[in-house]
C-alpha atoms as a PDB file:
ATOM      1  CA  MET A   1     111.507 127.749  92.988  1.00  0.00           C
ATOM      2  CA  ASN A   2     112.935 124.569  92.840  1.00  0.00           C
ATOM      3  CA  TYR A   3     110.498 121.656  92.801  1.00  0.00           C
ATOM      4  CA  THR A   4     113.085 118.680  92.956  1.00  0.00           C
ATOM      5  CA  PHE A   5     113.437 116.120  95.662  1.00  0.00           C
ATOM      6  CA  LYS A   6     117.017 115.629  96.133  1.00  0.00           C
ATOM      7  CA  LYS A   7     118.869 112.990  98.064  1.00  0.00           C
ATOM      8  CA  GLY A   8     119.719 115.478 100.872  1.00  0.00           C
ATOM      9  CA  GLU A   9     116.320 116.111 101.401  1.00  0.00           C
ATOM     10  CA  ARG A  10     115.425 112.465 102.268  1.00  0.00           C
ATOM     11  CA  LEU A  11     115.645 111.415 106.270  1.00  0.00           C
ATOM     12  CA  LYS A  12     117.393 108.324 106.454  1.00  0.00           C
ATOM     13  CA  ARG A  13     119.379 108.218 109.628  1.00  0.00           C
ATOM     14  CA  ARG A  14     117.977 105.597 111.810  1.00  0.00           C
ATOM     15  CA  LYS A  15     119.273 106.868 115.065  1.00  0.00           C
ATOM     16  CA  LEU A  16     117.038 110.398 114.303  1.00  0.00           C
ATOM     17  CA  ILE A  17     114.048 108.454 113.186  1.00  0.00           C
ATOM     18  CA  GLN A  18     114.232 106.180 116.505  1.00  0.00           C
ATOM     19  CA  ARG A  19     114.586 109.509 118.500  1.00  0.00           C
ATOM     20  CA  MET A  20     111.277 110.957 116.831  1.00  0.00           C
ATOM     21  CA  PHE A  21     109.515 107.701 117.833  1.00  0.00           C
ATOM     22  CA  ASN A  22     111.035 107.576 121.401  1.00  0.00           C
ATOM     23  CA  ARG A  23     108.816 110.525 123.037  1.00  0.00           C
ATOM     24  CA  GLU A  24     111.057 113.202 121.709  1.00  0.00           C
ATOM     25  CA  GLY A  25     109.067 113.525 118.523  1.00  0.00           C
ATOM     26  CA  LYS A  26     106.021 115.694 118.756  1.00  0.00           C
ATOM     27  CA  SER A  27     102.972 114.820 116.290  1.00  0.00           C
ATOM     28  CA  PHE A  28      99.799 115.791 114.978  1.00  0.00           C
ATOM     29  CA  VAL A  29      97.087 114.588 112.617  1.00  0.00           C
ATOM     30  CA  VAL A  30      95.742 115.980 109.279  1.00  0.00           C
ATOM     31  CA  TYR A  31      93.551 113.171 107.749  1.00  0.00           C
ATOM     32  CA  PRO A  32      94.798 110.893 105.970  1.00  0.00           C
ATOM     33  CA  LEU A  33      98.247 111.790 107.325  1.00  0.00           C
ATOM     34  CA  ARG A  34      99.974 111.843 110.512  1.00  0.00           C
ATOM     35  CA  VAL A  35     103.108 114.149 110.908  1.00  0.00           C
ATOM     36  CA  ILE A  36     105.716 113.096 113.585  1.00  0.00           C
ATOM     37  CA  TRP A  37     108.440 115.720 113.837  1.00  0.00           C
ATOM     38  CA  LEU A  38     111.703 116.747 115.750  1.00  0.00           C
ATOM     39  CA  GLU A  39     113.689 119.717 115.532  1.00  0.00           C
ATOM     40  CA  ALA A  40     117.245 118.629 114.918  1.00  0.00           C
ATOM     41  CA  GLU A  41     120.823 119.455 113.746  1.00  0.00           C
ATOM     42  CA  LEU A  42     120.895 118.144 110.278  1.00  0.00           C
ATOM     43  CA  ASP A  43     123.790 117.147 108.118  1.00  0.00           C
ATOM     44  CA  SER A  44     122.188 118.958 105.313  1.00  0.00           C
ATOM     45  CA  PRO A  45     121.848 122.508 103.621  1.00  0.00           C
ATOM     46  CA  TYR A  46     118.133 121.923 103.644  1.00  0.00           C
ATOM     47  CA  PRO A  47     115.794 123.033 106.475  1.00  0.00           C
ATOM     48  CA  ALA A  48     113.941 119.933 106.513  1.00  0.00           C
ATOM     49  CA  GLN A  49     114.441 116.169 105.934  1.00  0.00           C
ATOM     50  CA  PHE A  50     111.578 114.056 104.819  1.00  0.00           C
ATOM     51  CA  ALA A  51     110.638 110.418 105.138  1.00  0.00           C
ATOM     52  CA  LEU A  52     107.231 108.761 104.563  1.00  0.00           C
ATOM     53  CA  SER A  53     105.452 105.323 105.757  1.00  0.00           C
ATOM     54  CA  VAL A  54     102.396 103.473 104.201  1.00  0.00           C
ATOM     55  CA  PRO A  55     101.604 100.627 106.666  1.00  0.00           C
ATOM     56  CA  LYS A  56     101.845  96.931 105.120  1.00  0.00           C
ATOM     57  CA  ARG A  57      99.145  95.686 107.446  1.00  0.00           C
ATOM     58  CA  THR A  58      96.429  98.115 105.749  1.00  0.00           C
ATOM     59  CA  PHE A  59      98.022  97.767 102.098  1.00  0.00           C
ATOM     60  CA  PRO A  60      99.141  94.341 101.947  1.00  0.00           C
ATOM     61  CA  LYS A  61     100.147  94.840  98.098  1.00  0.00           C
ATOM     62  CA  ALA A  62     103.301  96.563  97.151  1.00  0.00           C
ATOM     63  CA  ALA A  63     101.841  98.241  94.228  1.00  0.00           C
ATOM     64  CA  HIS A  64      99.242  99.966  96.404  1.00  0.00           C
ATOM     65  CA  ARG A  65     101.675 101.184  99.029  1.00  0.00           C
ATOM     66  CA  ASN A  66     104.068 102.373  96.197  1.00  0.00           C
ATOM     67  CA  LEU A  67     101.166 104.575  94.732  1.00  0.00           C
ATOM     68  CA  LEU A  68     100.218 106.344  97.936  1.00  0.00           C
ATOM     69  CA  ARG A  69     103.969 106.932  98.545  1.00  0.00           C
ATOM     70  CA  ARG A  70     104.242 108.399  94.977  1.00  0.00           C
ATOM     71  CA  ARG A  71     101.476 110.696  95.507  1.00  0.00           C
ATOM     72  CA  ILE A  72     102.427 111.952  99.152  1.00  0.00           C
ATOM     73  CA  ARG A  73     106.019 112.434  97.890  1.00  0.00           C
ATOM     74  CA  GLU A  74     104.318 114.461  94.932  1.00  0.00           C
ATOM     75  CA  ALA A  75     102.424 116.658  97.457  1.00  0.00           C
ATOM     76  CA  TYR A  76     105.707 117.294  99.504  1.00  0.00           C
ATOM     77  CA  ARG A  77     107.620 118.161  96.569  1.00  0.00           C
ATOM     78  CA  LEU A  78     105.179 120.689  94.903  1.00  0.00           C
ATOM     79  CA  ASN A  79     104.394 122.479  98.151  1.00  0.00           C
ATOM     80  CA  LYS A  80     107.737 122.186 100.216  1.00  0.00           C
ATOM     81  CA  HIS A  81     108.793 125.657  99.060  1.00  0.00           C
ATOM     82  CA  GLN A  82     106.553 127.457 101.250  1.00  0.00           C
ATOM     83  CA  LEU A  83     107.633 125.313 104.253  1.00  0.00           C
ATOM     84  CA  TYR A  84     111.336 125.966 103.577  1.00  0.00           C
ATOM     85  CA  SER A  85     110.767 129.652 103.157  1.00  0.00           C
ATOM     86  CA  SER A  86     109.205 129.739 106.417  1.00  0.00           C
ATOM     87  CA  LEU A  87     111.719 127.747 107.941  1.00  0.00           C
ATOM     88  CA  GLU A  88     114.890 129.532 106.777  1.00  0.00           C
ATOM     89  CA  ASN A  89     113.467 132.530 108.500  1.00  0.00           C
ATOM     90  CA  GLN A  90     113.561 130.558 111.873  1.00  0.00           C
ATOM     91  CA  ASP A  91     117.003 129.272 111.245  1.00  0.00           C
ATOM     92  CA  LYS A  92     115.832 125.933 112.369  1.00  0.00           C
ATOM     93  CA  GLN A  93     116.113 122.449 110.786  1.00  0.00           C
ATOM     94  CA  TYR A  94     113.613 119.679 111.008  1.00  0.00           C
ATOM     95  CA  ALA A  95     113.054 116.082 110.783  1.00  0.00           C
ATOM     96  CA  LEU A  96     109.574 115.171 109.390  1.00  0.00           C
ATOM     97  CA  MET A  97     108.157 111.793 109.062  1.00  0.00           C
ATOM     98  CA  ILE A  98     104.716 111.305 107.352  1.00  0.00           C
ATOM     99  CA  ILE A  99     102.457 108.071 107.768  1.00  0.00           C
ATOM    100  CA  TYR A 100      99.324 107.415 105.855  1.00  0.00           C
ATOM    101  CA  THR A 101      96.766 106.471 108.191  1.00  0.00           C
ATOM    102  CA  ALA A 102      93.555 106.040 106.172  1.00  0.00           C
ATOM    103  CA  LYS A 103      92.238 102.506 105.561  1.00  0.00           C
ATOM    104  CA  GLU A 104      91.389 103.099 101.673  1.00  0.00           C
ATOM    105  CA  THR A 105      93.374 104.622  98.705  1.00  0.00           C
ATOM    106  CA  LEU A 106      92.487 108.114  98.612  1.00  0.00           C
ATOM    107  CA  PRO A 107      92.906 110.695  95.352  1.00  0.00           C
ATOM    108  CA  TYR A 108      95.834 112.800  95.174  1.00  0.00           C
ATOM    109  CA  LYS A 109      93.747 116.083  95.652  1.00  0.00           C
ATOM    110  CA  ASP A 110      92.796 114.899  99.234  1.00  0.00           C
ATOM    111  CA  ILE A 111      96.665 114.038  99.908  1.00  0.00           C
ATOM    112  CA  GLU A 112      97.628 117.466  98.428  1.00  0.00           C
ATOM    113  CA  LYS A 113      94.946 119.245 100.592  1.00  0.00           C
ATOM    114  CA  ALA A 114      96.103 117.498 103.744  1.00  0.00           C
ATOM    115  CA  MET A 115      99.949 118.249 102.730  1.00  0.00           C
ATOM    116  CA  LYS A 116      99.149 121.920 102.470  1.00  0.00           C
ATOM    117  CA  LYS A 117      97.361 122.070 105.882  1.00  0.00           C
ATOM    118  CA  ILE A 118     100.446 120.467 107.294  1.00  0.00           C
ATOM    119  CA  ILE A 119     102.628 122.944 105.858  1.00  0.00           C
ATOM    120  CA  ARG A 120     100.561 125.763 107.041  1.00  0.00           C
ATOM    121  CA  LYS A 121     100.606 124.244 110.582  1.00  0.00           C
ATOM    122  CA  PHE A 122     104.263 124.486 110.527  1.00  0.00           C
ATOM    123  CA  GLU A 123     104.418 127.866 109.168  1.00  0.00           C
ATOM    124  CA  LYS A 124     102.737 129.169 112.551  1.00  0.00           C
ATOM    125  CA  MET A 125     104.990 127.286 114.851  1.00  0.00           C
END
């Protein structure tokens, strides 16, 4: 198992992100995270590319947003191998966008639990 989060795994293509938000993407919520995803052809050897967002309106201080981003990214990094193994069997590639929706800063344990639920949901698709 490789627990790294490399540059090729990051979702950065602006057009693809816009497509996700323009009625093409599908979404679901596992509190405190909202997932927007789109099946797409990616220019990457990885089965999924990942981006995340923590709203500035809810967390005006950058330090708080950065803390939440680090927690979400770490939860994804440590559990993505389950997602990758299920997606490689399907021969599909996905673009994932995760948005933090809670109004307060939650501990890492809660964020990781939500991330595991998200990955299990993707395995069933």
